[in-house]
Amino acid sequence: MQICNQIFFEEIERLLSEGGQAEFLLRGNSMRPLLRDGRDVVIVAPIQDEVKVGDVVLFRYRGRHILHRIIGRCGSRLTLAGDGNYRLLEEASVTDLAGRLIAVRRPSGRIIRCCDRSWRFWSRAWLFLPPFLRRVILGIARRLRLF
């Protein structure tokens, strides 16, 4: 059964506004290699404290909901991008945020929490690479069907 994205994310926002968590299968490739399309289930929780650079958040952008990482902040204005995007940036306000990624469930059932040392290490390591190198790695991995 398929549901319209608008209805789906309205329900996600309702759950989050009531203090609950939402889990859903990730769709899209913009967060590769750390999050994988159609395989990883993301667990999003309400934002209860200040968001910071490096957080992965669910936010509203031009009529859509997107799960991307905060790469810059100036007051209440945020700059966001997918880990697999090396050219596209989004600008949003903290009022556009719906929730924060707190964990990922892999197909094996293993849960990786975003506060875990390993998640933080791999996130920083990937973002430390120059954009052109990330592009090359993603291109090779796509051709070899690694992720």
Protein backbone atom coordinates (compact mmCIF):
# COMPACT_ATOMS: atom_id res chain seq x y z
CA MET A 1 0.00 0.00 0.00
CA GLN A 2 1.31 3.44 -0.90
CA ILE A 3 0.43 6.70 0.82
CA CYS A 4 0.81 10.20 -0.57
CA ASN A 5 4.01 11.81 0.80
CA GLN A 6 2.07 14.81 2.08
CA ILE A 7 -0.25 12.64 4.20
CA PHE A 8 2.66 10.44 5.33
CA PHE A 9 4.76 13.35 6.56
CA GLU A 10 1.79 15.12 8.14
CA GLU A 11 1.38 12.00 10.27
CA ILE A 12 5.12 11.89 11.02
CA GLU A 13 5.00 15.54 12.15
CA ARG A 14 1.92 14.82 14.29
CA LEU A 15 3.71 11.94 16.02
CA LEU A 16 6.80 14.07 16.63
CA SER A 17 4.77 17.04 17.91
CA GLU A 18 3.17 14.70 20.47
CA GLY A 19 6.61 13.64 21.69
CA GLY A 20 6.72 10.30 19.89
CA GLN A 21 9.32 8.86 17.59
CA ALA A 22 8.83 7.94 13.95
CA GLU A 23 10.46 5.12 12.01
CA PHE A 24 10.36 4.88 8.26
CA LEU A 25 12.22 3.29 5.39
CA LEU A 26 14.64 5.73 3.84
CA ARG A 27 13.94 6.70 0.23
CA GLY A 28 16.54 8.47 -1.89
CA ASN A 29 20.29 8.41 -2.38
CA SER A 30 21.29 11.84 -1.12
CA MET A 31 22.62 10.53 2.20
CA ARG A 32 24.85 7.80 0.80
CA PRO A 33 27.06 6.17 1.91
CA LEU A 34 25.99 6.38 5.56
CA LEU A 35 22.27 5.91 4.83
CA ARG A 36 21.04 3.67 2.04
CA ASP A 37 17.89 3.94 -0.07
CA GLY A 38 15.31 1.24 0.47
CA ARG A 39 17.42 -0.63 3.02
CA ASP A 40 17.83 1.51 6.13
CA VAL A 41 15.05 2.43 8.51
CA VAL A 42 15.60 5.84 10.07
CA ILE A 43 14.39 6.66 13.57
CA VAL A 44 13.50 10.32 14.04
CA ALA A 45 12.66 11.98 17.35
CA PRO A 46 11.38 15.41 18.36
CA ILE A 47 14.02 18.12 18.71
CA GLN A 48 14.31 18.86 22.40
CA ASP A 49 17.49 20.90 22.50
CA GLU A 50 19.60 23.11 20.26
CA VAL A 51 20.50 21.64 16.86
CA LYS A 52 24.12 21.87 15.80
CA VAL A 53 26.31 21.43 12.77
CA GLY A 54 26.62 17.71 12.07
CA ASP A 55 23.08 16.79 13.16
CA VAL A 56 20.91 14.99 10.61
CA VAL A 57 17.42 16.49 10.66
CA LEU A 58 14.05 16.05 8.96
CA PHE A 59 12.93 19.42 7.64
CA ARG A 60 10.40 21.06 5.32
CA TYR A 61 11.83 22.51 2.13
CA ARG A 62 9.84 23.84 -0.83
CA GLY A 63 6.81 21.70 -0.05
CA ARG A 64 8.78 18.52 0.63
CA HIS A 65 10.31 16.79 3.62
CA ILE A 66 14.03 16.06 3.43
CA LEU A 67 16.44 14.26 5.74
CA HIS A 68 19.85 15.97 5.48
CA ARG A 69 22.77 17.04 7.61
CA ILE A 70 23.26 20.54 8.99
CA ILE A 71 26.54 21.83 7.56
CA GLY A 72 26.28 25.45 8.68
CA ARG A 73 24.38 27.64 11.08
CA CYS A 74 24.03 31.39 11.49
CA GLY A 75 21.52 32.21 14.22
CA SER A 76 18.24 30.53 13.29
CA ARG A 77 19.28 30.02 9.62
CA LEU A 78 20.62 26.60 8.67
CA THR A 79 22.53 25.34 5.65
CA LEU A 80 21.88 21.67 4.94
CA ALA A 81 23.11 19.08 2.47
CA GLY A 82 22.94 15.38 1.87
CA ASP A 83 26.13 13.46 2.58
CA GLY A 84 26.08 12.19 -1.01
CA ASN A 85 25.41 15.65 -2.46
CA TYR A 86 28.47 17.62 -3.36
CA ARG A 87 26.75 20.51 -5.15
CA LEU A 88 23.24 21.00 -3.75
CA LEU A 89 22.63 22.98 -0.58
CA GLU A 90 19.37 23.84 1.13
CA GLU A 91 18.67 26.85 3.33
CA ALA A 92 16.09 26.54 6.11
CA SER A 93 15.13 28.02 9.42
CA VAL A 94 14.99 26.17 12.72
CA THR A 95 11.20 26.58 12.47
CA ASP A 96 11.27 24.34 9.37
CA LEU A 97 12.65 21.41 11.38
CA ALA A 98 10.35 18.49 12.14
CA GLY A 99 12.73 16.12 13.93
CA ARG A 100 16.26 14.85 14.42
CA LEU A 101 17.71 11.51 13.35
CA ILE A 102 18.58 9.54 16.48
CA ALA A 103 19.25 6.06 15.08
CA VAL A 104 19.35 3.87 11.99
CA ARG A 105 18.18 0.26 11.76
CA ARG A 106 20.16 -1.72 9.21
CA PRO A 107 18.58 -4.60 7.24
CA SER A 108 20.28 -7.03 9.65
CA GLY A 109 18.29 -5.50 12.52
CA ARG A 110 21.37 -3.83 14.00
CA ILE A 111 20.60 -0.39 15.41
CA ILE A 112 23.20 2.35 15.14
CA ARG A 113 22.57 5.32 17.39
CA CYS A 114 23.67 8.73 16.14
CA CYS A 115 25.27 9.46 19.52
CA ASP A 116 27.50 6.36 19.19
CA ARG A 117 31.20 6.92 18.67
CA SER A 118 31.24 4.85 15.45
CA TRP A 119 28.44 6.92 13.82
CA ARG A 120 30.15 10.16 14.74
CA PHE A 121 33.52 8.88 13.48
CA TRP A 122 32.20 7.74 10.07
CA SER A 123 30.13 10.91 9.65
CA ARG A 124 33.14 13.13 10.31
CA ALA A 125 35.49 10.97 8.23
CA TRP A 126 33.17 11.09 5.20
CA LEU A 127 32.62 14.84 5.45
CA PHE A 128 36.35 15.44 5.96
CA LEU A 129 37.02 14.14 2.44
CA PRO A 130 37.09 16.80 -0.29
CA PRO A 131 33.88 16.87 -2.37
CA PHE A 132 35.61 15.71 -5.55
CA LEU A 133 36.95 12.62 -3.74
CA ARG A 134 33.50 11.82 -2.29
CA ARG A 135 32.11 12.10 -5.83
CA VAL A 136 34.71 9.64 -7.15
CA ILE A 137 34.09 7.16 -4.32
CA LEU A 138 30.31 7.31 -4.82
CA GLY A 139 30.71 6.88 -8.58
CA ILE A 140 32.91 3.81 -8.19
CA ALA A 141 30.65 2.32 -5.52
CA ARG A 142 27.59 2.87 -7.73
CA ARG A 143 29.25 1.13 -10.67
CA LEU A 144 30.32 -1.78 -8.45
CA ARG A 145 26.90 -1.79 -6.76
CA LEU A 146 28.49 -1.57 -3.31
CA PHE A 147 25.81 0.79 -1.96
